Amino acid sequence: MNNRLKKAFVWGIIGAVFYFLLSHHIVFVGSTPKLLKKSRLTLEYTFFSTQGKTNESILGVDELREDGIGELLVEMGKMSEAELDRLIEKYEE
């Protein structure tokens, strides 16, 4: 009985980690990881690094833009609010 409880606990932890990965983007802004909630459960762009990418190319990814990566970049000081508004307008045309 004790062995079955341990197995259930381990599978529960594995399921919780998998669900977390399905429901969050882990965005590396520089060397700092930030969490961004996904709008739908998927493994696409679970891990994303902004290093070496322009703000325009980052916001060009529909999933990340819709989930609020622009606001995260503004918060981290990587872009201004005016630049975010300009790029959002460009991609939503």
Protein backbone atom coordinates (compact mmCIF):
# COMPACT_ATOMS: atom_id res chain seq x y z
CA MET A 1 0.00 0.00 0.00
CA ASN A 2 2.78 2.40 0.90
CA ASN A 3 4.53 1.72 -2.43
CA ARG A 4 1.35 2.53 -4.40
CA LEU A 5 0.97 5.79 -2.49
CA LYS A 6 4.55 6.77 -3.38
CA LYS A 7 3.94 5.98 -7.06
CA ALA A 8 0.73 8.03 -7.06
CA PHE A 9 2.56 10.92 -5.42
CA VAL A 10 5.40 10.80 -7.99
CA TRP A 11 2.91 10.66 -10.89
CA GLY A 12 1.01 13.56 -9.35
CA ILE A 13 4.20 15.66 -9.23
CA ILE A 14 5.05 14.73 -12.83
CA GLY A 15 1.53 15.70 -13.92
CA ALA A 16 1.72 19.02 -12.08
CA VAL A 17 5.07 19.88 -13.71
CA PHE A 18 3.73 18.96 -17.15
CA TYR A 19 0.61 21.08 -16.61
CA PHE A 20 2.80 24.01 -15.50
CA LEU A 21 4.87 23.72 -18.69
CA LEU A 22 1.70 23.57 -20.79
CA SER A 23 0.27 26.71 -19.17
CA HIS A 24 3.28 29.05 -18.86
CA HIS A 25 5.94 30.61 -21.07
CA ILE A 26 9.35 30.82 -19.41
CA VAL A 27 10.86 33.90 -21.02
CA PHE A 28 14.53 34.71 -20.51
CA VAL A 29 15.07 38.46 -20.63
CA GLY A 30 18.84 38.64 -20.43
CA SER A 31 19.67 36.02 -17.81
CA THR A 32 16.49 36.64 -15.80
CA PRO A 33 13.69 34.11 -16.28
CA LYS A 34 10.15 35.52 -16.18
CA LEU A 35 6.85 33.66 -16.25
CA LEU A 36 4.11 34.55 -18.68
CA LYS A 37 0.75 32.77 -18.57
CA LYS A 38 -0.29 31.12 -21.84
CA SER A 39 -3.74 31.77 -23.26
CA ARG A 40 -4.13 28.09 -24.18
CA LEU A 41 -2.45 24.84 -23.16
CA THR A 42 0.41 24.10 -25.57
CA LEU A 43 4.10 23.32 -25.57
CA GLU A 44 4.83 25.98 -28.23
CA TYR A 45 7.24 28.67 -27.02
CA THR A 46 7.41 27.19 -23.51
CA PHE A 47 11.03 28.34 -23.29
CA PHE A 48 11.88 31.57 -25.12
CA SER A 49 14.99 33.75 -24.96
CA THR A 50 14.96 37.39 -26.02
CA GLN A 51 18.75 37.50 -26.30
CA GLY A 52 19.91 38.54 -29.75
CA LYS A 53 16.37 39.25 -30.97
CA THR A 54 14.86 42.59 -31.86
CA ASN A 55 11.68 43.78 -30.20
CA GLU A 56 10.01 43.61 -33.60
CA SER A 57 10.92 39.95 -34.10
CA ILE A 58 9.81 39.06 -30.56
CA LEU A 59 6.43 40.71 -31.05
CA GLY A 60 6.19 39.02 -34.46
CA VAL A 61 5.41 35.74 -32.67
CA ASP A 62 1.61 35.73 -32.44
CA GLU A 63 1.38 33.46 -29.39
CA LEU A 64 3.80 35.54 -27.33
CA ARG A 65 2.29 38.86 -28.40
CA GLU A 66 -1.23 37.72 -27.52
CA ASP A 67 -0.06 36.46 -24.13
CA GLY A 68 1.49 39.81 -23.20
CA ILE A 69 5.21 39.64 -23.87
CA GLY A 70 5.16 43.30 -24.92
CA GLU A 71 4.08 44.40 -21.45
CA LEU A 72 6.81 42.19 -19.98
CA LEU A 73 9.44 43.86 -22.19
CA VAL A 74 8.20 47.31 -21.13
CA GLU A 75 8.31 46.24 -17.48
CA MET A 76 11.90 45.00 -17.88
CA GLY A 77 12.96 48.25 -19.59
CA LYS A 78 13.68 46.60 -22.95
CA MET A 79 11.23 48.83 -24.86
CA SER A 80 9.15 51.93 -24.34
CA GLU A 81 5.37 52.07 -24.13
CA ALA A 82 5.30 54.11 -27.38
CA GLU A 83 7.38 51.49 -29.22
CA LEU A 84 5.09 48.75 -27.92
CA ASP A 85 2.00 50.60 -29.14
CA ARG A 86 3.59 51.14 -32.58
CA LEU A 87 4.58 47.49 -32.97
CA ILE A 88 1.23 46.16 -31.71
CA GLU A 89 -0.55 48.39 -34.22
CA LYS A 90 1.73 47.12 -36.99
CA TYR A 91 0.98 43.44 -36.28
CA GLU A 92 -2.74 43.84 -35.69
CA GLU A 93 -3.40 45.39 -39.09
